[in-house]
Amino acid sequence: MTDDLESLLNGELLEEDVELSLAELCQACRVPAEQIVELVGEGIIEPVGQGQVHWRFRAISVRRVRCALRLQHDLGVNTAGAALALDLLEELAQLRARRR
């Protein structure tokens, strides 16, 4: 197991330039590839690369996947609703940062 993936599994933050494969993202978030593909389809996370075999994900994808999963599990929000909620939460964070 790579040090970066080990850090993710232990809840540590990774540098922004770290990229994960589909398998590594699945392992870090403890979800099957089908669920990641669904999140990609809704625009929750955006892979780099053509085709699932070559997909790479930025480290921020781990946070977005975990947040989407919490919204779905805790609030019963569907995938499209989780995508909208994440976008609104990011916009709110940006507005708060600008206000400071």
N, C-alpha and C. Protein backbone atom coordinates (compact mmCIF):
# COMPACT_ATOMS: atom_id res chain seq x y z
N MET A 1 0.85 -1.17 0.00
CA MET A 1 0.00 0.00 0.00
C MET A 1 0.90 1.24 0.00
N THR A 2 0.54 2.24 -0.79
CA THR A 2 1.35 3.44 -0.86
C THR A 2 1.20 4.26 0.40
N ASP A 3 2.17 5.12 0.67
CA ASP A 3 2.11 5.99 1.85
C ASP A 3 0.93 6.95 1.75
N ASP A 4 0.64 7.44 0.53
CA ASP A 4 -0.48 8.36 0.34
C ASP A 4 -1.80 7.68 0.68
N LEU A 5 -1.99 6.47 0.22
CA LEU A 5 -3.23 5.76 0.51
C LEU A 5 -3.32 5.42 1.99
N GLU A 6 -2.21 5.05 2.58
CA GLU A 6 -2.17 4.78 4.01
C GLU A 6 -2.59 6.02 4.80
N SER A 7 -2.14 7.19 4.38
CA SER A 7 -2.52 8.44 5.03
C SER A 7 -4.01 8.68 4.94
N LEU A 8 -4.58 8.41 3.76
CA LEU A 8 -6.02 8.59 3.58
C LEU A 8 -6.81 7.67 4.49
N LEU A 9 -6.41 6.44 4.58
CA LEU A 9 -7.13 5.47 5.41
C LEU A 9 -7.02 5.81 6.89
N ASN A 10 -5.96 6.51 7.26
CA ASN A 10 -5.79 6.92 8.65
C ASN A 10 -6.41 8.28 8.93
N GLY A 11 -7.09 8.87 7.94
CA GLY A 11 -7.78 10.13 8.14
C GLY A 11 -6.90 11.36 8.02
N GLU A 12 -5.70 11.21 7.53
CA GLU A 12 -4.81 12.34 7.37
C GLU A 12 -5.10 13.04 6.05
N LEU A 13 -4.77 14.31 6.00
CA LEU A 13 -4.95 15.07 4.77
C LEU A 13 -3.76 14.87 3.85
N LEU A 14 -4.05 14.88 2.56
CA LEU A 14 -3.00 14.76 1.56
C LEU A 14 -2.76 16.10 0.89
N GLU A 15 -1.61 16.24 0.30
CA GLU A 15 -1.32 17.42 -0.48
C GLU A 15 -2.25 17.46 -1.68
N GLU A 16 -2.53 18.67 -2.14
CA GLU A 16 -3.47 18.86 -3.22
C GLU A 16 -3.03 18.20 -4.53
N ASP A 17 -1.75 18.07 -4.75
CA ASP A 17 -1.27 17.54 -6.02
C ASP A 17 -1.24 16.01 -6.07
N VAL A 18 -1.64 15.35 -5.01
CA VAL A 18 -1.69 13.89 -4.98
C VAL A 18 -2.87 13.42 -5.84
N GLU A 19 -2.62 12.40 -6.64
CA GLU A 19 -3.69 11.81 -7.45
C GLU A 19 -3.85 10.35 -7.08
N LEU A 20 -5.10 9.89 -7.13
CA LEU A 20 -5.44 8.52 -6.79
C LEU A 20 -6.08 7.83 -7.99
N SER A 21 -5.84 6.55 -8.11
CA SER A 21 -6.53 5.76 -9.13
C SER A 21 -7.95 5.48 -8.66
N LEU A 22 -8.77 4.94 -9.52
CA LEU A 22 -10.13 4.56 -9.15
C LEU A 22 -10.10 3.55 -8.00
N ALA A 23 -9.22 2.57 -8.09
CA ALA A 23 -9.13 1.54 -7.04
C ALA A 23 -8.70 2.15 -5.71
N GLU A 24 -7.75 3.08 -5.75
CA GLU A 24 -7.29 3.72 -4.51
C GLU A 24 -8.38 4.57 -3.89
N LEU A 25 -9.14 5.29 -4.74
CA LEU A 25 -10.24 6.11 -4.23
C LEU A 25 -11.32 5.22 -3.62
N CYS A 26 -11.62 4.12 -4.27
CA CYS A 26 -12.60 3.17 -3.72
C CYS A 26 -12.15 2.65 -2.37
N GLN A 27 -10.88 2.31 -2.25
CA GLN A 27 -10.35 1.78 -1.00
C GLN A 27 -10.36 2.87 0.09
N ALA A 28 -9.97 4.08 -0.26
CA ALA A 28 -9.92 5.17 0.71
C ALA A 28 -11.31 5.52 1.24
N CYS A 29 -12.32 5.42 0.37
CA CYS A 29 -13.69 5.78 0.76
C CYS A 29 -14.54 4.57 1.14
N ARG A 30 -13.97 3.39 0.96
CA ARG A 30 -14.64 2.13 1.29
C ARG A 30 -15.98 1.98 0.55
N VAL A 31 -15.93 2.21 -0.76
CA VAL A 31 -17.12 2.05 -1.62
C VAL A 31 -16.73 1.30 -2.88
N PRO A 32 -17.69 0.66 -3.52
CA PRO A 32 -17.39 -0.02 -4.78
C PRO A 32 -17.22 0.97 -5.93
N ALA A 33 -16.56 0.52 -6.97
CA ALA A 33 -16.30 1.36 -8.14
C ALA A 33 -17.59 1.89 -8.76
N GLU A 34 -18.65 1.09 -8.73
CA GLU A 34 -19.93 1.52 -9.30
C GLU A 34 -20.44 2.79 -8.64
N GLN A 35 -20.22 2.90 -7.34
CA GLN A 35 -20.69 4.09 -6.63
C GLN A 35 -19.86 5.31 -7.02
N ILE A 36 -18.57 5.13 -7.21
CA ILE A 36 -17.72 6.23 -7.66
C ILE A 36 -18.14 6.66 -9.07
N VAL A 37 -18.41 5.71 -9.93
CA VAL A 37 -18.85 6.02 -11.29
C VAL A 37 -20.15 6.85 -11.25
N GLU A 38 -21.06 6.50 -10.35
CA GLU A 38 -22.31 7.26 -10.21
C GLU A 38 -22.02 8.69 -9.76
N LEU A 39 -21.09 8.86 -8.83
CA LEU A 39 -20.74 10.20 -8.37
C LEU A 39 -20.07 11.02 -9.48
N VAL A 40 -19.27 10.36 -10.30
CA VAL A 40 -18.68 11.04 -11.46
C VAL A 40 -19.79 11.48 -12.41
N GLY A 41 -20.77 10.61 -12.63
CA GLY A 41 -21.88 10.93 -13.53
C GLY A 41 -22.69 12.13 -13.08
N GLU A 42 -22.76 12.36 -11.77
CA GLU A 42 -23.50 13.51 -11.24
C GLU A 42 -22.62 14.74 -11.08
N GLY A 43 -21.34 14.60 -11.40
CA GLY A 43 -20.44 15.75 -11.33
C GLY A 43 -19.92 16.05 -9.93
N ILE A 44 -20.10 15.13 -9.00
CA ILE A 44 -19.61 15.33 -7.64
C ILE A 44 -18.09 15.31 -7.61
N ILE A 45 -17.51 14.43 -8.38
CA ILE A 45 -16.06 14.39 -8.53
C ILE A 45 -15.76 14.30 -10.02
N GLU A 46 -14.58 14.80 -10.39
CA GLU A 46 -14.19 14.82 -11.80
C GLU A 46 -12.85 14.13 -11.98
N PRO A 47 -12.84 13.01 -12.70
CA PRO A 47 -11.58 12.33 -12.95
C PRO A 47 -10.80 12.99 -14.08
N VAL A 48 -9.52 12.74 -14.08
CA VAL A 48 -8.65 13.13 -15.18
C VAL A 48 -8.29 11.84 -15.89
N GLY A 49 -8.35 11.84 -17.20
CA GLY A 49 -8.01 10.65 -17.98
C GLY A 49 -9.22 10.10 -18.71
N GLN A 50 -8.95 9.37 -19.75
CA GLN A 50 -9.99 8.79 -20.59
C GLN A 50 -10.26 7.36 -20.16
N GLY A 51 -11.50 7.06 -19.86
CA GLY A 51 -11.87 5.70 -19.49
C GLY A 51 -11.54 5.39 -18.05
N GLN A 52 -12.37 4.57 -17.44
CA GLN A 52 -12.22 4.25 -16.02
C GLN A 52 -10.86 3.67 -15.67
N VAL A 53 -10.28 2.91 -16.57
CA VAL A 53 -8.98 2.28 -16.31
C VAL A 53 -7.90 3.34 -16.10
N HIS A 54 -8.04 4.49 -16.77
CA HIS A 54 -7.02 5.53 -16.71
C HIS A 54 -7.41 6.71 -15.82
N TRP A 55 -8.56 6.64 -15.17
CA TRP A 55 -8.99 7.74 -14.32
C TRP A 55 -8.01 7.97 -13.18
N ARG A 56 -7.78 9.25 -12.90
CA ARG A 56 -7.02 9.70 -11.74
C ARG A 56 -7.86 10.76 -11.04
N PHE A 57 -7.84 10.77 -9.72
CA PHE A 57 -8.65 11.69 -8.94
C PHE A 57 -7.75 12.51 -8.02
N ARG A 58 -8.05 13.81 -7.92
CA ARG A 58 -7.33 14.66 -6.98
C ARG A 58 -7.69 14.26 -5.56
N ALA A 59 -6.83 14.56 -4.62
CA ALA A 59 -7.05 14.19 -3.22
C ALA A 59 -8.34 14.78 -2.67
N ILE A 60 -8.77 15.94 -3.15
CA ILE A 60 -10.00 16.57 -2.67
C ILE A 60 -11.21 15.68 -2.95
N SER A 61 -11.09 14.77 -3.91
CA SER A 61 -12.19 13.87 -4.24
C SER A 61 -12.57 12.99 -3.05
N VAL A 62 -11.60 12.65 -2.23
CA VAL A 62 -11.89 11.82 -1.05
C VAL A 62 -12.87 12.55 -0.14
N ARG A 63 -12.61 13.82 0.12
CA ARG A 63 -13.50 14.61 0.98
C ARG A 63 -14.88 14.73 0.36
N ARG A 64 -14.94 14.99 -0.94
CA ARG A 64 -16.24 15.15 -1.60
C ARG A 64 -17.04 13.85 -1.60
N VAL A 65 -16.37 12.73 -1.84
CA VAL A 65 -17.06 11.44 -1.82
C VAL A 65 -17.59 11.15 -0.42
N ARG A 66 -16.76 11.34 0.58
CA ARG A 66 -17.19 11.07 1.95
C ARG A 66 -18.34 11.97 2.37
N CYS A 67 -18.30 13.23 1.97
CA CYS A 67 -19.38 14.16 2.29
C CYS A 67 -20.66 13.73 1.59
N ALA A 68 -20.57 13.37 0.33
CA ALA A 68 -21.75 12.92 -0.43
C ALA A 68 -22.35 11.66 0.21
N LEU A 69 -21.50 10.76 0.63
CA LEU A 69 -21.98 9.53 1.28
C LEU A 69 -22.69 9.84 2.59
N ARG A 70 -22.16 10.80 3.36
CA ARG A 70 -22.82 11.19 4.61
C ARG A 70 -24.18 11.81 4.33
N LEU A 71 -24.26 12.66 3.33
CA LEU A 71 -25.55 13.27 2.96
C LEU A 71 -26.56 12.20 2.58
N GLN A 72 -26.10 11.22 1.81
CA GLN A 72 -27.00 10.15 1.38
C GLN A 72 -27.42 9.29 2.56
N HIS A 73 -26.48 8.91 3.38
CA HIS A 73 -26.77 7.99 4.49
C HIS A 73 -27.55 8.69 5.61
N ASP A 74 -27.08 9.84 6.05
CA ASP A 74 -27.67 10.50 7.21
C ASP A 74 -28.97 11.24 6.90
N LEU A 75 -29.05 11.83 5.71
CA LEU A 75 -30.22 12.65 5.38
C LEU A 75 -31.12 12.03 4.32
N GLY A 76 -30.71 10.91 3.76
CA GLY A 76 -31.52 10.26 2.74
C GLY A 76 -31.55 11.02 1.42
N VAL A 77 -30.53 11.84 1.18
CA VAL A 77 -30.46 12.63 -0.05
C VAL A 77 -30.01 11.72 -1.19
N ASN A 78 -30.62 11.89 -2.37
CA ASN A 78 -30.17 11.09 -3.52
C ASN A 78 -28.88 11.69 -4.08
N THR A 79 -28.30 11.04 -5.07
CA THR A 79 -27.01 11.46 -5.60
C THR A 79 -27.08 12.86 -6.20
N ALA A 80 -28.14 13.15 -6.93
CA ALA A 80 -28.29 14.49 -7.53
C ALA A 80 -28.42 15.55 -6.44
N GLY A 81 -29.14 15.23 -5.38
CA GLY A 81 -29.29 16.16 -4.27
C GLY A 81 -27.97 16.38 -3.55
N ALA A 82 -27.17 15.33 -3.42
CA ALA A 82 -25.86 15.46 -2.79
C ALA A 82 -24.96 16.36 -3.63
N ALA A 83 -25.03 16.23 -4.94
CA ALA A 83 -24.23 17.08 -5.84
C ALA A 83 -24.61 18.54 -5.64
N LEU A 84 -25.90 18.83 -5.59
CA LEU A 84 -26.37 20.20 -5.39
C LEU A 84 -25.93 20.72 -4.03
N ALA A 85 -26.09 19.91 -2.99
CA ALA A 85 -25.71 20.33 -1.64
C ALA A 85 -24.21 20.63 -1.56
N LEU A 86 -23.39 19.80 -2.17
CA LEU A 86 -21.94 20.04 -2.16
C LEU A 86 -21.58 21.33 -2.87
N ASP A 87 -22.23 21.59 -4.00
CA ASP A 87 -21.98 22.84 -4.72
C ASP A 87 -22.36 24.04 -3.87
N LEU A 88 -23.50 23.95 -3.19
CA LEU A 88 -23.94 25.06 -2.35
C LEU A 88 -23.03 25.25 -1.14
N LEU A 89 -22.57 24.16 -0.54
CA LEU A 89 -21.65 24.25 0.59
C LEU A 89 -20.33 24.90 0.17
N GLU A 90 -19.83 24.56 -1.01
CA GLU A 90 -18.59 25.18 -1.50
C GLU A 90 -18.79 26.66 -1.77
N GLU A 91 -19.93 27.01 -2.37
CA GLU A 91 -20.22 28.42 -2.64
C GLU A 91 -20.30 29.20 -1.33
N LEU A 92 -20.94 28.63 -0.33
CA LEU A 92 -21.04 29.28 0.98
C LEU A 92 -19.66 29.48 1.59
N ALA A 93 -18.80 28.49 1.50
CA ALA A 93 -17.44 28.61 2.03
C ALA A 93 -16.67 29.71 1.32
N GLN A 94 -16.84 29.82 0.00
CA GLN A 94 -16.17 30.86 -0.75
C GLN A 94 -16.66 32.24 -0.34
N LEU A 95 -17.96 32.38 -0.15
CA LEU A 95 -18.53 33.67 0.26
C LEU A 95 -18.02 34.06 1.65
N ARG A 96 -17.95 33.09 2.54
CA ARG A 96 -17.45 33.38 3.89
C ARG A 96 -15.99 33.78 3.84
N ALA A 97 -15.22 33.12 2.98
CA ALA A 97 -13.79 33.46 2.86
C ALA A 97 -13.63 34.87 2.32
N ARG A 98 -14.44 35.26 1.36
CA ARG A 98 -14.36 36.61 0.79
C ARG A 98 -14.75 37.66 1.82
N ARG A 99 -15.73 37.33 2.66
CA ARG A 99 -16.21 38.27 3.67
C ARG A 99 -15.11 38.57 4.69
N ARG A 100 -14.27 37.62 4.97
CA ARG A 100 -13.17 37.82 5.93
C ARG A 100 -12.15 38.69 5.30
